[in-house]
Amino acid sequence: MVRRGLPALLAAAAATLGPAAGCDEDDPDPRFATPEATIGTLMAAYGVDRMSQDEIQLRMRSRERFQLRDEVSYRACFDDYEGIHHEGLAGFVFGTIAAGKDDLEIVHAQGKAHVYPDPERRDRSVVLVEREGEWKISLRDSVPSDIRRALLEEYRRAKGRASRAGSPE
């Protein structure tokens, strides 16, 4: 199955949310019931779900920060988020998806879903994995290893500076 653009993703997410209102608490969380729902949850956590791709890209070029509105849902979007040291990786994934949100293409393959922010480029995708009926973003599979190493090293340097300055982080 292939879906394109966030409007299609949000429509799919809305379709999964409706019937889930009366579900048992052991059922999978409807915010993560499909790859589309997870991407919609990620965008909503930052309040960019209703912004156009052009507006998001303009804010990114202007180096404006996006305000996280729902930290719990945001962190829950990731399969392997382990703590503050992964914040840069999660931010990289958010930026990748948000910058191409109107052109997203989701392709299911071998138990994973690949989200292509630019369908013309197949060399970069955000990867979601299914666990117990919920689709979560894999930081390990979504952030290229060189970028992952650089972001984790930058976190260590920042933590060292903060430690030397007497701040907890």
C-alpha atoms as a PDB file:
ATOM      1  CA  MET A   1       0.000   0.000   0.000  1.00  0.00           C
ATOM      2  CA  VAL A   2       1.257   3.454  -0.872  1.00  0.00           C
ATOM      3  CA  ARG A   3      -0.188   6.715   0.460  1.00  0.00           C
ATOM      4  CA  ARG A   4       0.943  10.200  -0.426  1.00  0.00           C
ATOM      5  CA  GLY A   5       0.871  13.470   1.498  1.00  0.00           C
ATOM      6  CA  LEU A   6      -0.119  14.292   5.056  1.00  0.00           C
ATOM      7  CA  PRO A   7      -3.790  14.976   4.192  1.00  0.00           C
ATOM      8  CA  ALA A   8      -4.099  11.300   3.205  1.00  0.00           C
ATOM      9  CA  LEU A   9      -2.178  10.310   6.326  1.00  0.00           C
ATOM     10  CA  LEU A  10      -4.433  12.350   8.600  1.00  0.00           C
ATOM     11  CA  ALA A  11      -7.555  10.950   6.940  1.00  0.00           C
ATOM     12  CA  ALA A  12      -6.241   7.445   7.558  1.00  0.00           C
ATOM     13  CA  ALA A  13      -5.365   8.343  11.158  1.00  0.00           C
ATOM     14  CA  ALA A  14      -8.837   9.807  11.758  1.00  0.00           C
ATOM     15  CA  ALA A  15     -10.380   6.618  10.431  1.00  0.00           C
ATOM     16  CA  THR A  16      -8.434   4.591  13.000  1.00  0.00           C
ATOM     17  CA  LEU A  17      -9.284   6.911  15.899  1.00  0.00           C
ATOM     18  CA  GLY A  18     -13.068   6.879  15.564  1.00  0.00           C
ATOM     19  CA  PRO A  19     -13.865   3.245  16.423  1.00  0.00           C
ATOM     20  CA  ALA A  20     -11.103   3.061  19.051  1.00  0.00           C
ATOM     21  CA  ALA A  21     -12.815   5.346  21.565  1.00  0.00           C
ATOM     22  CA  GLY A  22     -14.418   2.465  23.435  1.00  0.00           C
ATOM     23  CA  CYS A  23     -11.546  -0.006  23.146  1.00  0.00           C
ATOM     24  CA  ASP A  24     -10.107  -1.988  26.009  1.00  0.00           C
ATOM     25  CA  GLU A  25      -6.911  -0.555  27.523  1.00  0.00           C
ATOM     26  CA  ASP A  26      -5.012  -3.665  26.380  1.00  0.00           C
ATOM     27  CA  ASP A  27      -5.750  -2.802  22.740  1.00  0.00           C
ATOM     28  CA  PRO A  28      -3.073  -1.034  20.736  1.00  0.00           C
ATOM     29  CA  ASP A  29      -3.074   2.753  21.055  1.00  0.00           C
ATOM     30  CA  PRO A  30      -4.994   4.156  18.050  1.00  0.00           C
ATOM     31  CA  ARG A  31      -2.424   6.986  17.752  1.00  0.00           C
ATOM     32  CA  PHE A  32       0.007   4.316  16.520  1.00  0.00           C
ATOM     33  CA  ALA A  33      -2.377   1.825  14.854  1.00  0.00           C
ATOM     34  CA  THR A  34      -0.942   2.501  11.387  1.00  0.00           C
ATOM     35  CA  PRO A  35       2.209   4.161  10.080  1.00  0.00           C
ATOM     36  CA  GLU A  36      -0.034   7.014   8.916  1.00  0.00           C
ATOM     37  CA  ALA A  37      -1.478   7.440  12.418  1.00  0.00           C
ATOM     38  CA  THR A  38       2.021   7.518  13.954  1.00  0.00           C
ATOM     39  CA  ILE A  39       3.195  10.182  11.502  1.00  0.00           C
ATOM     40  CA  GLY A  40       0.011  12.167  12.183  1.00  0.00           C
ATOM     41  CA  THR A  41       0.639  11.863  15.936  1.00  0.00           C
ATOM     42  CA  LEU A  42       4.217  13.090  15.496  1.00  0.00           C
ATOM     43  CA  MET A  43       3.086  16.115  13.471  1.00  0.00           C
ATOM     44  CA  ALA A  44       0.284  16.905  15.945  1.00  0.00           C
ATOM     45  CA  ALA A  45       2.717  16.726  18.881  1.00  0.00           C
ATOM     46  CA  TYR A  46       4.443  19.765  17.391  1.00  0.00           C
ATOM     47  CA  GLY A  47       1.257  21.403  16.113  1.00  0.00           C
ATOM     48  CA  VAL A  48       2.393  21.311  12.487  1.00  0.00           C
ATOM     49  CA  ASP A  49      -0.336  18.955  11.338  1.00  0.00           C
ATOM     50  CA  ARG A  50      -2.361  21.901  10.024  1.00  0.00           C
ATOM     51  CA  MET A  51       0.585  23.875   8.623  1.00  0.00           C
ATOM     52  CA  SER A  52       1.407  23.717   4.946  1.00  0.00           C
ATOM     53  CA  GLN A  53       4.682  22.215   3.814  1.00  0.00           C
ATOM     54  CA  ASP A  54       5.674  25.633   2.434  1.00  0.00           C
ATOM     55  CA  GLU A  55       5.083  27.283   5.824  1.00  0.00           C
ATOM     56  CA  ILE A  56       7.112  24.601   7.599  1.00  0.00           C
ATOM     57  CA  GLN A  57       9.979  24.918   5.128  1.00  0.00           C
ATOM     58  CA  LEU A  58       9.949  28.719   5.465  1.00  0.00           C
ATOM     59  CA  ARG A  59      10.176  28.417   9.251  1.00  0.00           C
ATOM     60  CA  MET A  60      13.023  25.912   8.892  1.00  0.00           C
ATOM     61  CA  ARG A  61      14.960  28.186   6.515  1.00  0.00           C
ATOM     62  CA  SER A  62      14.463  31.047   8.988  1.00  0.00           C
ATOM     63  CA  ARG A  63      15.789  28.739  11.719  1.00  0.00           C
ATOM     64  CA  GLU A  64      12.604  29.173  13.734  1.00  0.00           C
ATOM     65  CA  ARG A  65      12.053  26.551  16.381  1.00  0.00           C
ATOM     66  CA  PHE A  66       8.894  24.493  16.557  1.00  0.00           C
ATOM     67  CA  GLN A  67       7.231  24.300  19.961  1.00  0.00           C
ATOM     68  CA  LEU A  68       6.645  20.793  21.281  1.00  0.00           C
ATOM     69  CA  ARG A  69       3.046  20.642  22.521  1.00  0.00           C
ATOM     70  CA  ASP A  70       2.707  17.012  23.597  1.00  0.00           C
ATOM     71  CA  GLU A  71       5.977  15.558  24.866  1.00  0.00           C
ATOM     72  CA  VAL A  72       4.462  12.249  25.979  1.00  0.00           C
ATOM     73  CA  SER A  73       2.930  11.501  22.556  1.00  0.00           C
ATOM     74  CA  TYR A  74       6.082  12.720  20.813  1.00  0.00           C
ATOM     75  CA  ARG A  75       8.368  10.334  22.694  1.00  0.00           C
ATOM     76  CA  ALA A  76       5.861   7.489  22.307  1.00  0.00           C
ATOM     77  CA  CYS A  77       6.182   7.768  18.501  1.00  0.00           C
ATOM     78  CA  PHE A  78       9.648   6.182  18.679  1.00  0.00           C
ATOM     79  CA  ASP A  79      10.495   2.516  19.079  1.00  0.00           C
ATOM     80  CA  ASP A  80      13.990   3.060  20.459  1.00  0.00           C
ATOM     81  CA  TYR A  81      13.997   6.493  22.119  1.00  0.00           C
ATOM     82  CA  GLU A  82      16.087   5.963  25.251  1.00  0.00           C
ATOM     83  CA  GLY A  83      16.326   9.405  26.790  1.00  0.00           C
ATOM     84  CA  ILE A  84      17.547  12.938  26.294  1.00  0.00           C
ATOM     85  CA  HIS A  85      20.657  11.746  24.436  1.00  0.00           C
ATOM     86  CA  HIS A  86      18.320  10.657  21.620  1.00  0.00           C
ATOM     87  CA  GLU A  87      16.603  14.045  21.352  1.00  0.00           C
ATOM     88  CA  GLY A  88      18.793  15.099  18.412  1.00  0.00           C
ATOM     89  CA  LEU A  89      17.956  11.880  16.561  1.00  0.00           C
ATOM     90  CA  ALA A  90      14.230  12.338  17.158  1.00  0.00           C
ATOM     91  CA  GLY A  91      14.500  15.973  16.057  1.00  0.00           C
ATOM     92  CA  PHE A  92      16.264  14.903  12.869  1.00  0.00           C
ATOM     93  CA  VAL A  93      13.407  12.499  12.081  1.00  0.00           C
ATOM     94  CA  PHE A  94      10.774  15.138  12.854  1.00  0.00           C
ATOM     95  CA  GLY A  95      12.515  17.650  10.585  1.00  0.00           C
ATOM     96  CA  THR A  96      12.858  15.105   7.790  1.00  0.00           C
ATOM     97  CA  ILE A  97       9.155  14.271   7.862  1.00  0.00           C
ATOM     98  CA  ALA A  98       7.881  17.816   8.489  1.00  0.00           C
ATOM     99  CA  ALA A  99       9.895  19.282   5.600  1.00  0.00           C
ATOM    100  CA  GLY A 100       8.187  16.949   3.143  1.00  0.00           C
ATOM    101  CA  LYS A 101       4.867  16.393   4.870  1.00  0.00           C
ATOM    102  CA  ASP A 102       2.666  17.169   1.851  1.00  0.00           C
ATOM    103  CA  ASP A 103       4.657  14.833  -0.402  1.00  0.00           C
ATOM    104  CA  LEU A 104       5.124  11.865   1.929  1.00  0.00           C
ATOM    105  CA  GLU A 105       4.933   8.429   0.425  1.00  0.00           C
ATOM    106  CA  ILE A 106       4.581   5.369   2.665  1.00  0.00           C
ATOM    107  CA  VAL A 107       5.589   1.970   1.347  1.00  0.00           C
ATOM    108  CA  HIS A 108       5.115  -1.245   3.324  1.00  0.00           C
ATOM    109  CA  ALA A 109       7.856  -3.821   2.830  1.00  0.00           C
ATOM    110  CA  GLN A 110       8.887  -6.884   4.837  1.00  0.00           C
ATOM    111  CA  GLY A 111       7.207  -5.959   8.129  1.00  0.00           C
ATOM    112  CA  LYS A 112       8.346  -2.356   8.030  1.00  0.00           C
ATOM    113  CA  ALA A 113       6.990   0.858   6.608  1.00  0.00           C
ATOM    114  CA  HIS A 114       9.270   3.297   4.810  1.00  0.00           C
ATOM    115  CA  VAL A 115       8.225   6.947   4.738  1.00  0.00           C
ATOM    116  CA  TYR A 116       9.784   8.855   1.870  1.00  0.00           C
ATOM    117  CA  PRO A 117       9.592  12.629   2.386  1.00  0.00           C
ATOM    118  CA  ASP A 118      10.713  13.096  -1.217  1.00  0.00           C
ATOM    119  CA  PRO A 119       9.343  10.293  -3.385  1.00  0.00           C
ATOM    120  CA  GLU A 120      11.990  11.113  -6.005  1.00  0.00           C
ATOM    121  CA  ARG A 121      14.767  10.176  -3.542  1.00  0.00           C
ATOM    122  CA  ARG A 122      14.793   6.579  -2.405  1.00  0.00           C
ATOM    123  CA  ASP A 123      18.125   6.873  -0.586  1.00  0.00           C
ATOM    124  CA  ARG A 124      16.563   8.381   2.530  1.00  0.00           C
ATOM    125  CA  SER A 125      13.484   7.226   4.406  1.00  0.00           C
ATOM    126  CA  VAL A 126      12.059   7.171   7.886  1.00  0.00           C
ATOM    127  CA  VAL A 127      11.449   3.590   8.969  1.00  0.00           C
ATOM    128  CA  LEU A 128       8.590   2.412  11.155  1.00  0.00           C
ATOM    129  CA  VAL A 129       8.393  -1.011  12.751  1.00  0.00           C
ATOM    130  CA  GLU A 130       5.308  -2.780  14.033  1.00  0.00           C
ATOM    131  CA  ARG A 131       5.337  -3.973  17.638  1.00  0.00           C
ATOM    132  CA  GLU A 132       2.269  -5.553  19.223  1.00  0.00           C
ATOM    133  CA  GLY A 133      -0.116  -3.810  16.850  1.00  0.00           C
ATOM    134  CA  GLU A 134       1.514  -0.379  17.100  1.00  0.00           C
ATOM    135  CA  TRP A 135       3.750   1.283  14.510  1.00  0.00           C
ATOM    136  CA  LYS A 136       6.738   3.144  15.923  1.00  0.00           C
ATOM    137  CA  ILE A 137       9.587   5.052  14.295  1.00  0.00           C
ATOM    138  CA  SER A 138      12.970   3.355  14.500  1.00  0.00           C
ATOM    139  CA  LEU A 139      15.668   5.954  15.178  1.00  0.00           C
ATOM    140  CA  ARG A 140      18.355   3.366  14.450  1.00  0.00           C
ATOM    141  CA  ASP A 141      16.964   2.666  10.983  1.00  0.00           C
ATOM    142  CA  SER A 142      15.877   6.238  10.173  1.00  0.00           C
ATOM    143  CA  VAL A 143      18.935   8.325  11.030  1.00  0.00           C
ATOM    144  CA  PRO A 144      21.997   7.660   8.841  1.00  0.00           C
ATOM    145  CA  SER A 145      24.891   6.316  10.918  1.00  0.00           C
ATOM    146  CA  ASP A 146      27.199   9.289  10.249  1.00  0.00           C
ATOM    147  CA  ILE A 147      24.495  11.746  11.345  1.00  0.00           C
ATOM    148  CA  ARG A 148      23.623   9.552  14.341  1.00  0.00           C
ATOM    149  CA  ARG A 149      27.274   9.525  15.475  1.00  0.00           C
ATOM    150  CA  ALA A 150      27.618  13.298  14.993  1.00  0.00           C
ATOM    151  CA  LEU A 151      24.425  14.060  16.931  1.00  0.00           C
ATOM    152  CA  LEU A 152      25.356  11.751  19.808  1.00  0.00           C
ATOM    153  CA  GLU A 153      28.859  13.269  19.931  1.00  0.00           C
ATOM    154  CA  GLU A 154      27.384  16.774  20.005  1.00  0.00           C
ATOM    155  CA  TYR A 155      25.153  15.704  22.904  1.00  0.00           C
ATOM    156  CA  ARG A 156      28.211  14.400  24.803  1.00  0.00           C
ATOM    157  CA  ARG A 157      30.097  17.664  24.184  1.00  0.00           C
ATOM    158  CA  ALA A 158      27.126  19.755  25.319  1.00  0.00           C
ATOM    159  CA  LYS A 159      26.694  17.608  28.405  1.00  0.00           C
ATOM    160  CA  GLY A 160      30.416  18.025  29.193  1.00  0.00           C
ATOM    161  CA  ARG A 161      30.188  21.806  28.810  1.00  0.00           C
ATOM    162  CA  ALA A 162      27.130  21.926  31.039  1.00  0.00           C
ATOM    163  CA  SER A 163      28.856  19.738  33.620  1.00  0.00           C
ATOM    164  CA  ARG A 164      31.927  21.993  33.665  1.00  0.00           C
ATOM    165  CA  ALA A 165      29.676  25.029  34.057  1.00  0.00           C
ATOM    166  CA  GLY A 166      27.979  23.423  37.066  1.00  0.00           C
ATOM    167  CA  SER A 167      24.642  22.835  35.347  1.00  0.00           C
ATOM    168  CA  PRO A 168      23.003  19.368  35.454  1.00  0.00           C
ATOM    169  CA  GLU A 169      22.555  19.433  31.616  1.00  0.00           C
END
